[in-house]
Amino acid sequence: MKNKQKELPEKWHASSKAMRAVQVAFYVDEQIQIKIRQDACLRGMSPSDLIREITQLPLSAPPKRPRLTASLNKEDYAQLALRYNLNPQDTLEIKRCVMQELIDYASNFDLSQDNT
């Protein structure tokens, strides 16, 4: 019987340990969740990494390309295409427009006022 590790492409071998990890959800009070998320954000880390730090587990190296993510389906692309007057198939241009909107949002954010 072949070893599963050897069946993986070479570039995936380093990730095989992470692929075996199991996502664990912690059901805590909303205020606890907010505090963890806020502290992680202020420290430039993910909530998952802050949980690992709090529990004294080792942290992985910081991401080489930090990014914001959002899940978009076909309907979302269609709605964004209408908003930006683009073809829904032009996903790269839609992404560029969303990125610009996020940049504009963050650039106009006034820390002196409560925007919640």
Protein backbone atom coordinates (compact mmCIF):
# COMPACT_ATOMS: atom_id res chain seq x y z
CA MET A 1 0.00 0.00 0.00
CA LYS A 2 1.35 3.43 -0.97
CA ASN A 3 2.02 6.09 1.59
CA LYS A 4 -0.52 8.94 1.13
CA GLN A 5 2.24 11.51 1.76
CA LYS A 6 4.13 10.30 -1.32
CA GLU A 7 1.03 10.66 -3.50
CA LEU A 8 0.85 14.40 -2.82
CA PRO A 9 2.57 16.79 -5.19
CA GLU A 10 5.99 17.79 -3.83
CA LYS A 11 4.94 21.40 -3.18
CA TRP A 12 2.09 20.19 -0.94
CA HIS A 13 4.24 18.09 1.41
CA ALA A 14 4.94 21.04 3.71
CA SER A 15 1.19 21.69 3.98
CA SER A 16 0.18 18.11 4.73
CA LYS A 17 0.41 18.65 8.50
CA ALA A 18 -1.88 21.70 8.28
CA MET A 19 -4.33 19.78 6.11
CA ARG A 20 -4.77 17.29 8.95
CA ALA A 21 -5.68 20.05 11.42
CA VAL A 22 -9.28 20.27 12.56
CA GLN A 23 -11.14 23.57 12.86
CA VAL A 24 -12.45 23.96 16.41
CA ALA A 25 -15.20 26.42 17.29
CA PHE A 26 -15.43 27.95 20.76
CA TYR A 27 -18.93 29.04 21.72
CA VAL A 28 -18.38 31.93 24.12
CA ASP A 29 -20.29 35.06 25.00
CA GLU A 30 -20.51 37.67 22.22
CA GLN A 31 -18.53 40.17 24.31
CA ILE A 32 -15.66 37.66 24.58
CA GLN A 33 -15.74 37.12 20.81
CA ILE A 34 -15.70 40.87 20.17
CA LYS A 35 -12.78 41.39 22.58
CA ILE A 36 -10.71 38.60 20.97
CA ARG A 37 -11.43 39.89 17.44
CA GLN A 38 -10.68 43.51 18.36
CA ASP A 39 -7.45 42.67 20.16
CA ALA A 40 -6.31 40.47 17.30
CA CYS A 41 -7.07 43.18 14.78
CA LEU A 42 -5.27 45.86 16.78
CA ARG A 43 -2.23 43.57 17.01
CA GLY A 44 -2.32 42.78 13.30
CA MET A 45 -3.06 39.11 13.75
CA SER A 46 -5.94 36.74 13.14
CA PRO A 47 -8.28 35.74 15.97
CA SER A 48 -7.01 32.18 15.49
CA ASP A 49 -3.41 33.29 16.05
CA LEU A 50 -4.40 35.26 19.15
CA ILE A 51 -6.15 32.16 20.55
CA ARG A 52 -2.97 30.17 19.89
CA GLU A 53 -0.90 32.85 21.64
CA ILE A 54 -3.26 33.03 24.64
CA THR A 55 -3.14 29.25 25.01
CA GLN A 56 0.66 29.23 24.52
CA LEU A 57 0.53 27.17 21.33
CA PRO A 58 3.15 27.84 18.66
CA LEU A 59 2.28 30.36 15.97
CA SER A 60 2.92 29.78 12.31
CA ALA A 61 4.89 32.31 10.32
CA PRO A 62 2.90 35.42 9.38
CA PRO A 63 1.24 35.23 5.97
CA LYS A 64 3.46 36.37 3.13
CA ARG A 65 0.53 38.12 1.47
CA PRO A 66 -1.86 39.43 4.15
CA ARG A 67 -5.28 39.96 2.64
CA LEU A 68 -8.92 40.58 3.33
CA THR A 69 -11.32 37.97 2.05
CA ALA A 70 -15.01 37.79 1.26
CA SER A 71 -16.98 34.95 -0.32
CA LEU A 72 -18.74 36.05 -3.50
CA ASN A 73 -21.17 33.95 -5.49
CA LYS A 74 -22.52 34.51 -9.01
CA GLU A 75 -25.39 36.64 -7.71
CA ASP A 76 -22.95 38.84 -5.79
CA TYR A 77 -20.87 39.35 -8.94
CA ALA A 78 -24.04 40.22 -10.86
CA GLN A 79 -25.05 42.78 -8.23
CA LEU A 80 -21.54 44.27 -8.12
CA ALA A 81 -21.42 44.38 -11.93
CA LEU A 82 -24.61 46.48 -11.90
CA ARG A 83 -23.18 48.72 -9.18
CA TYR A 84 -19.96 49.32 -11.13
CA ASN A 85 -21.57 49.22 -14.58
CA LEU A 86 -19.48 46.20 -15.63
CA ASN A 87 -20.00 42.81 -17.21
CA PRO A 88 -20.58 40.17 -14.48
CA GLN A 89 -17.98 37.98 -16.23
CA ASP A 90 -15.30 40.62 -15.71
CA THR A 91 -14.49 39.38 -12.22
CA LEU A 92 -10.99 40.88 -12.13
CA GLU A 93 -12.30 44.38 -12.85
CA ILE A 94 -15.10 43.88 -10.30
CA LYS A 95 -12.45 42.85 -7.76
CA ARG A 96 -10.41 45.95 -8.63
CA CYS A 97 -13.48 48.16 -8.05
CA VAL A 98 -14.22 46.50 -4.71
CA MET A 99 -10.58 46.95 -3.67
CA GLN A 100 -10.77 50.65 -4.55
CA GLU A 101 -13.99 51.00 -2.59
CA LEU A 102 -12.33 49.37 0.45
CA ILE A 103 -9.33 51.70 0.09
CA ASP A 104 -11.67 54.71 -0.14
CA TYR A 105 -13.61 53.50 2.91
CA ALA A 106 -10.46 53.05 5.00
CA SER A 107 -8.95 56.33 3.80
CA ASN A 108 -12.06 58.26 4.85
CA PHE A 109 -12.38 56.51 8.22
CA ASP A 110 -12.19 59.04 11.03
CA LEU A 111 -10.77 57.44 14.18
CA SER A 112 -12.01 60.36 16.30
CA GLN A 113 -15.65 59.37 15.87
CA ASP A 114 -17.44 56.16 16.76
CA ASN A 115 -18.43 54.57 13.44
CA THR A 116 -20.28 51.59 14.95
